Amino acid sequence: MFLFSTTGGLNVSDVIVQLVFLLILAAVIVGVITLVINARKRNNQLSRMEEKVDKLSQGEKK
């Protein structure tokens, strides 16, 4: 069977498993970075919206 063949002492199945684990690790890292970036963008957007609401409420009080 192909998965049990060896190349220089390495099993092909071992290499495939290691690549899968590497892809999972990379996906977790990219996911965490994406969450942090989105949280910062959302926080900045909320701050801008709050400033606009404050300006509008200041205009109504005058």
PDB file of N, CA and C in Angstrom:
ATOM      1  N   MET A   1       0.848  -1.185   0.000  1.00  0.00           N
ATOM      2  CA  MET A   1       0.000   0.000   0.000  1.00  0.00           C
ATOM      3  C   MET A   1       0.892   1.247   0.000  1.00  0.00           C
ATOM      4  N   PHE A   2       0.407   2.322  -0.602  1.00  0.00           N
ATOM      5  CA  PHE A   2       1.200   3.542  -0.764  1.00  0.00           C
ATOM      6  C   PHE A   2       1.521   4.198   0.575  1.00  0.00           C
ATOM      7  N   LEU A   3       0.561   4.218   1.503  1.00  0.00           N
ATOM      8  CA  LEU A   3       0.775   4.932   2.762  1.00  0.00           C
ATOM      9  C   LEU A   3       1.822   4.264   3.646  1.00  0.00           C
ATOM     10  N   PHE A   4       2.064   2.988   3.424  1.00  0.00           N
ATOM     11  CA  PHE A   4       3.030   2.290   4.256  1.00  0.00           C
ATOM     12  C   PHE A   4       4.410   2.212   3.618  1.00  0.00           C
ATOM     13  N   SER A   5       4.584   2.813   2.451  1.00  0.00           N
ATOM     14  CA  SER A   5       5.889   2.785   1.800  1.00  0.00           C
ATOM     15  C   SER A   5       6.845   3.719   2.531  1.00  0.00           C
ATOM     16  N   THR A   6       8.093   3.400   2.460  1.00  0.00           N
ATOM     17  CA  THR A   6       9.095   4.209   3.154  1.00  0.00           C
ATOM     18  C   THR A   6      10.008   4.880   2.144  1.00  0.00           C
ATOM     19  N   THR A   7      10.486   6.040   2.542  1.00  0.00           N
ATOM     20  CA  THR A   7      11.435   6.773   1.713  1.00  0.00           C
ATOM     21  C   THR A   7      12.579   7.196   2.619  1.00  0.00           C
ATOM     22  N   GLY A   8      13.690   6.511   2.541  1.00  0.00           N
ATOM     23  CA  GLY A   8      14.843   6.860   3.353  1.00  0.00           C
ATOM     24  C   GLY A   8      14.581   6.701   4.841  1.00  0.00           C
ATOM     25  N   GLY A   9      13.783   5.753   5.239  1.00  0.00           N
ATOM     26  CA  GLY A   9      13.505   5.519   6.650  1.00  0.00           C
ATOM     27  C   GLY A   9      12.291   6.255   7.170  1.00  0.00           C
ATOM     28  N   LEU A  10      11.648   7.080   6.344  1.00  0.00           N
ATOM     29  CA  LEU A  10      10.443   7.797   6.763  1.00  0.00           C
ATOM     30  C   LEU A  10       9.219   7.131   6.167  1.00  0.00           C
ATOM     31  N   ASN A  11       8.208   6.959   6.980  1.00  0.00           N
ATOM     32  CA  ASN A  11       6.939   6.475   6.459  1.00  0.00           C
ATOM     33  C   ASN A  11       6.196   7.637   5.828  1.00  0.00           C
ATOM     34  N   VAL A  12       5.595   7.396   4.691  1.00  0.00           N
ATOM     35  CA  VAL A  12       4.843   8.444   4.008  1.00  0.00           C
ATOM     36  C   VAL A  12       3.660   8.872   4.863  1.00  0.00           C
ATOM     37  N   SER A  13       3.053   7.922   5.573  1.00  0.00           N
ATOM     38  CA  SER A  13       1.917   8.271   6.434  1.00  0.00           C
ATOM     39  C   SER A  13       2.345   9.200   7.565  1.00  0.00           C
ATOM     40  N   ASP A  14       3.549   9.020   8.094  1.00  0.00           N
ATOM     41  CA  ASP A  14       4.051   9.915   9.138  1.00  0.00           C
ATOM     42  C   ASP A  14       4.214  11.337   8.608  1.00  0.00           C
ATOM     43  N   VAL A  15       4.712  11.453   7.396  1.00  0.00           N
ATOM     44  CA  VAL A  15       4.886  12.772   6.785  1.00  0.00           C
ATOM     45  C   VAL A  15       3.530  13.434   6.582  1.00  0.00           C
ATOM     46  N   ILE A  16       2.541  12.666   6.129  1.00  0.00           N
ATOM     47  CA  ILE A  16       1.203  13.220   5.910  1.00  0.00           C
ATOM     48  C   ILE A  16       0.608  13.700   7.226  1.00  0.00           C
ATOM     49  N   VAL A  17       0.746  12.916   8.286  1.00  0.00           N
ATOM     50  CA  VAL A  17       0.211  13.302   9.595  1.00  0.00           C
ATOM     51  C   VAL A  17       0.895  14.567  10.092  1.00  0.00           C
ATOM     52  N   GLN A  18       2.198  14.660   9.925  1.00  0.00           N
ATOM     53  CA  GLN A  18       2.918  15.852  10.363  1.00  0.00           C
ATOM     54  C   GLN A  18       2.471  17.084   9.586  1.00  0.00           C
ATOM     55  N   LEU A  19       2.225  16.941   8.298  1.00  0.00           N
ATOM     56  CA  LEU A  19       1.736  18.070   7.499  1.00  0.00           C
ATOM     57  C   LEU A  19       0.348  18.500   7.946  1.00  0.00           C
ATOM     58  N   VAL A  20      -0.504  17.537   8.276  1.00  0.00           N
ATOM     59  CA  VAL A  20      -1.847  17.872   8.763  1.00  0.00           C
ATOM     60  C   VAL A  20      -1.746  18.639  10.072  1.00  0.00           C
ATOM     61  N   PHE A  21      -0.901  18.178  10.988  1.00  0.00           N
ATOM     62  CA  PHE A  21      -0.733  18.884  12.258  1.00  0.00           C
ATOM     63  C   PHE A  21      -0.165  20.281  12.048  1.00  0.00           C
ATOM     64  N   LEU A  22       0.743  20.429  11.109  1.00  0.00           N
ATOM     65  CA  LEU A  22       1.308  21.743  10.802  1.00  0.00           C
ATOM     66  C   LEU A  22       0.237  22.678  10.256  1.00  0.00           C
ATOM     67  N   LEU A  23      -0.624  22.162   9.392  1.00  0.00           N
ATOM     68  CA  LEU A  23      -1.717  22.974   8.852  1.00  0.00           C
ATOM     69  C   LEU A  23      -2.697  23.385   9.945  1.00  0.00           C
ATOM     70  N   ILE A  24      -2.982  22.475  10.870  1.00  0.00           N
ATOM     71  CA  ILE A  24      -3.882  22.811  11.983  1.00  0.00           C
ATOM     72  C   ILE A  24      -3.265  23.904  12.840  1.00  0.00           C
ATOM     73  N   LEU A  25      -1.984  23.792  13.142  1.00  0.00           N
ATOM     74  CA  LEU A  25      -1.300  24.807  13.943  1.00  0.00           C
ATOM     75  C   LEU A  25      -1.310  26.160  13.241  1.00  0.00           C
ATOM     76  N   ALA A  26      -1.047  26.163  11.943  1.00  0.00           N
ATOM     77  CA  ALA A  26      -1.066  27.415  11.183  1.00  0.00           C
ATOM     78  C   ALA A  26      -2.467  28.016  11.170  1.00  0.00           C
ATOM     79  N   ALA A  27      -3.496  27.182  11.058  1.00  0.00           N
ATOM     80  CA  ALA A  27      -4.873  27.678  11.051  1.00  0.00           C
ATOM     81  C   ALA A  27      -5.237  28.307  12.388  1.00  0.00           C
ATOM     82  N   VAL A  28      -4.785  27.726  13.486  1.00  0.00           N
ATOM     83  CA  VAL A  28      -5.060  28.295  14.808  1.00  0.00           C
ATOM     84  C   VAL A  28      -4.378  29.649  14.951  1.00  0.00           C
ATOM     85  N   ILE A  29      -3.138  29.748  14.524  1.00  0.00           N
ATOM     86  CA  ILE A  29      -2.404  31.014  14.631  1.00  0.00           C
ATOM     87  C   ILE A  29      -3.072  32.090  13.784  1.00  0.00           C
ATOM     88  N   VAL A  30      -3.431  31.754  12.551  1.00  0.00           N
ATOM     89  CA  VAL A  30      -4.099  32.723  11.678  1.00  0.00           C
ATOM     90  C   VAL A  30      -5.445  33.122  12.269  1.00  0.00           C
ATOM     91  N   GLY A  31      -6.165  32.178  12.855  1.00  0.00           N
ATOM     92  CA  GLY A  31      -7.455  32.481  13.472  1.00  0.00           C
ATOM     93  C   GLY A  31      -7.332  33.448  14.632  1.00  0.00           C
ATOM     94  N   VAL A  32      -6.346  33.256  15.484  1.00  0.00           N
ATOM     95  CA  VAL A  32      -6.150  34.152  16.629  1.00  0.00           C
ATOM     96  C   VAL A  32      -5.779  35.548  16.144  1.00  0.00           C
ATOM     97  N   ILE A  33      -4.891  35.632  15.171  1.00  0.00           N
ATOM     98  CA  ILE A  33      -4.494  36.940  14.638  1.00  0.00           C
ATOM     99  C   ILE A  33      -5.693  37.645  14.017  1.00  0.00           C
ATOM    100  N   THR A  34      -6.524  36.902  13.291  1.00  0.00           N
ATOM    101  CA  THR A  34      -7.714  37.487  12.676  1.00  0.00           C
ATOM    102  C   THR A  34      -8.682  38.007  13.731  1.00  0.00           C
ATOM    103  N   LEU A  35      -8.871  37.248  14.806  1.00  0.00           N
ATOM    104  CA  LEU A  35      -9.761  37.699  15.879  1.00  0.00           C
ATOM    105  C   LEU A  35      -9.258  38.985  16.523  1.00  0.00           C
ATOM    106  N   VAL A  36      -7.956  39.080  16.753  1.00  0.00           N
ATOM    107  CA  VAL A  36      -7.388  40.281  17.373  1.00  0.00           C
ATOM    108  C   VAL A  36      -7.559  41.487  16.453  1.00  0.00           C
ATOM    109  N   ILE A  37      -7.282  41.306  15.176  1.00  0.00           N
ATOM    110  CA  ILE A  37      -7.413  42.423  14.229  1.00  0.00           C
ATOM    111  C   ILE A  37      -8.861  42.882  14.140  1.00  0.00           C
ATOM    112  N   ASN A  38      -9.795  41.931  14.054  1.00  0.00           N
ATOM    113  CA  ASN A  38     -11.211  42.294  13.972  1.00  0.00           C
ATOM    114  C   ASN A  38     -11.692  42.986  15.242  1.00  0.00           C
ATOM    115  N   ALA A  39     -11.203  42.561  16.397  1.00  0.00           N
ATOM    116  CA  ALA A  39     -11.597  43.198  17.654  1.00  0.00           C
ATOM    117  C   ALA A  39     -11.110  44.645  17.694  1.00  0.00           C
ATOM    118  N   ARG A  40      -9.892  44.886  17.223  1.00  0.00           N
ATOM    119  CA  ARG A  40      -9.375  46.260  17.202  1.00  0.00           C
ATOM    120  C   ARG A  40     -10.174  47.141  16.249  1.00  0.00           C
ATOM    121  N   LYS A  41     -10.489  46.604  15.072  1.00  0.00           N
ATOM    122  CA  LYS A  41     -11.271  47.379  14.105  1.00  0.00           C
ATOM    123  C   LYS A  41     -12.649  47.700  14.663  1.00  0.00           C
ATOM    124  N   ARG A  42     -13.272  46.725  15.311  1.00  0.00           N
ATOM    125  CA  ARG A  42     -14.599  46.932  15.882  1.00  0.00           C
ATOM    126  C   ARG A  42     -14.547  47.985  16.989  1.00  0.00           C
ATOM    127  N   ASN A  43     -13.488  47.950  17.794  1.00  0.00           N
ATOM    128  CA  ASN A  43     -13.344  48.926  18.872  1.00  0.00           C
ATOM    129  C   ASN A  43     -13.181  50.331  18.302  1.00  0.00           C
ATOM    130  N   ASN A  44     -12.380  50.467  17.253  1.00  0.00           N
ATOM    131  CA  ASN A  44     -12.197  51.779  16.620  1.00  0.00           C
ATOM    132  C   ASN A  44     -13.497  52.275  16.010  1.00  0.00           C
ATOM    133  N   GLN A  45     -14.245  51.381  15.384  1.00  0.00           N
ATOM    134  CA  GLN A  45     -15.516  51.766  14.779  1.00  0.00           C
ATOM    135  C   GLN A  45     -16.504  52.218  15.853  1.00  0.00           C
ATOM    136  N   LEU A  46     -16.554  51.502  16.967  1.00  0.00           N
ATOM    137  CA  LEU A  46     -17.453  51.900  18.051  1.00  0.00           C
ATOM    138  C   LEU A  46     -17.054  53.252  18.634  1.00  0.00           C
ATOM    139  N   SER A  47     -15.759  53.518  18.716  1.00  0.00           N
ATOM    140  CA  SER A  47     -15.303  54.811  19.221  1.00  0.00           C
ATOM    141  C   SER A  47     -15.734  55.941  18.291  1.00  0.00           C
ATOM    142  N   ARG A  48     -15.607  55.728  16.983  1.00  0.00           N
ATOM    143  CA  ARG A  48     -16.041  56.749  16.023  1.00  0.00           C
ATOM    144  C   ARG A  48     -17.545  56.977  16.108  1.00  0.00           C
ATOM    145  N   MET A  49     -18.304  55.906  16.250  1.00  0.00           N
ATOM    146  CA  MET A  49     -19.761  56.044  16.357  1.00  0.00           C
ATOM    147  C   MET A  49     -20.137  56.797  17.631  1.00  0.00           C
ATOM    148  N   GLU A  50     -19.426  56.516  18.715  1.00  0.00           N
ATOM    149  CA  GLU A  50     -19.704  57.199  19.977  1.00  0.00           C
ATOM    150  C   GLU A  50     -19.421  58.693  19.849  1.00  0.00           C
ATOM    151  N   GLU A  51     -18.327  59.043  19.165  1.00  0.00           N
ATOM    152  CA  GLU A  51     -18.019  60.460  18.958  1.00  0.00           C
ATOM    153  C   GLU A  51     -19.112  61.145  18.144  1.00  0.00           C
ATOM    154  N   LYS A  52     -19.610  60.474  17.119  1.00  0.00           N
ATOM    155  CA  LYS A  52     -20.673  61.056  16.301  1.00  0.00           C
ATOM    156  C   LYS A  52     -21.951  61.242  17.105  1.00  0.00           C
ATOM    157  N   VAL A  53     -22.287  60.265  17.929  1.00  0.00           N
ATOM    158  CA  VAL A  53     -23.485  60.378  18.771  1.00  0.00           C
ATOM    159  C   VAL A  53     -23.314  61.515  19.766  1.00  0.00           C
ATOM    160  N   ASP A  54     -22.122  61.649  20.336  1.00  0.00           N
ATOM    161  CA  ASP A  54     -21.867  62.748  21.269  1.00  0.00           C
ATOM    162  C   ASP A  54     -22.013  64.101  20.575  1.00  0.00           C
ATOM    163  N   LYS A  55     -21.497  64.218  19.344  1.00  0.00           N
ATOM    164  CA  LYS A  55     -21.633  65.477  18.605  1.00  0.00           C
ATOM    165  C   LYS A  55     -23.090  65.784  18.325  1.00  0.00           C
ATOM    166  N   LEU A  56     -23.859  64.769  17.950  1.00  0.00           N
ATOM    167  CA  LEU A  56     -25.280  64.978  17.677  1.00  0.00           C
ATOM    168  C   LEU A  56     -26.035  65.369  18.942  1.00  0.00           C
ATOM    169  N   SER A  57     -25.714  64.736  20.055  1.00  0.00           N
ATOM    170  CA  SER A  57     -26.416  65.068  21.299  1.00  0.00           C
ATOM    171  C   SER A  57     -26.008  66.449  21.801  1.00  0.00           C
ATOM    172  N   GLN A  58     -24.777  66.875  21.535  1.00  0.00           N
ATOM    173  CA  GLN A  58     -24.338  68.224  21.904  1.00  0.00           C
ATOM    174  C   GLN A  58     -25.098  69.263  21.087  1.00  0.00           C
ATOM    175  N   GLY A  59     -25.343  68.975  19.824  1.00  0.00           N
ATOM    176  CA  GLY A  59     -26.055  69.901  18.953  1.00  0.00           C
ATOM    177  C   GLY A  59     -27.502  70.070  19.366  1.00  0.00           C
ATOM    178  N   GLU A  60     -28.142  69.046  19.889  1.00  0.00           N
ATOM    179  CA  GLU A  60     -29.537  69.131  20.312  1.00  0.00           C
ATOM    180  C   GLU A  60     -29.688  69.925  21.601  1.00  0.00           C
ATOM    181  N   LYS A  61     -28.670  69.917  22.456  1.00  0.00           N
ATOM    182  CA  LYS A  61     -28.759  70.608  23.742  1.00  0.00           C
ATOM    183  C   LYS A  61     -28.666  72.116  23.585  1.00  0.00           C
ATOM    184  N   LYS A  62     -28.030  72.582  22.515  1.00  0.00           N
ATOM    185  CA  LYS A  62     -27.816  74.022  22.336  1.00  0.00           C
ATOM    186  C   LYS A  62     -29.067  74.735  21.989  1.00  0.00           C
TER     187      LYS A  62
END
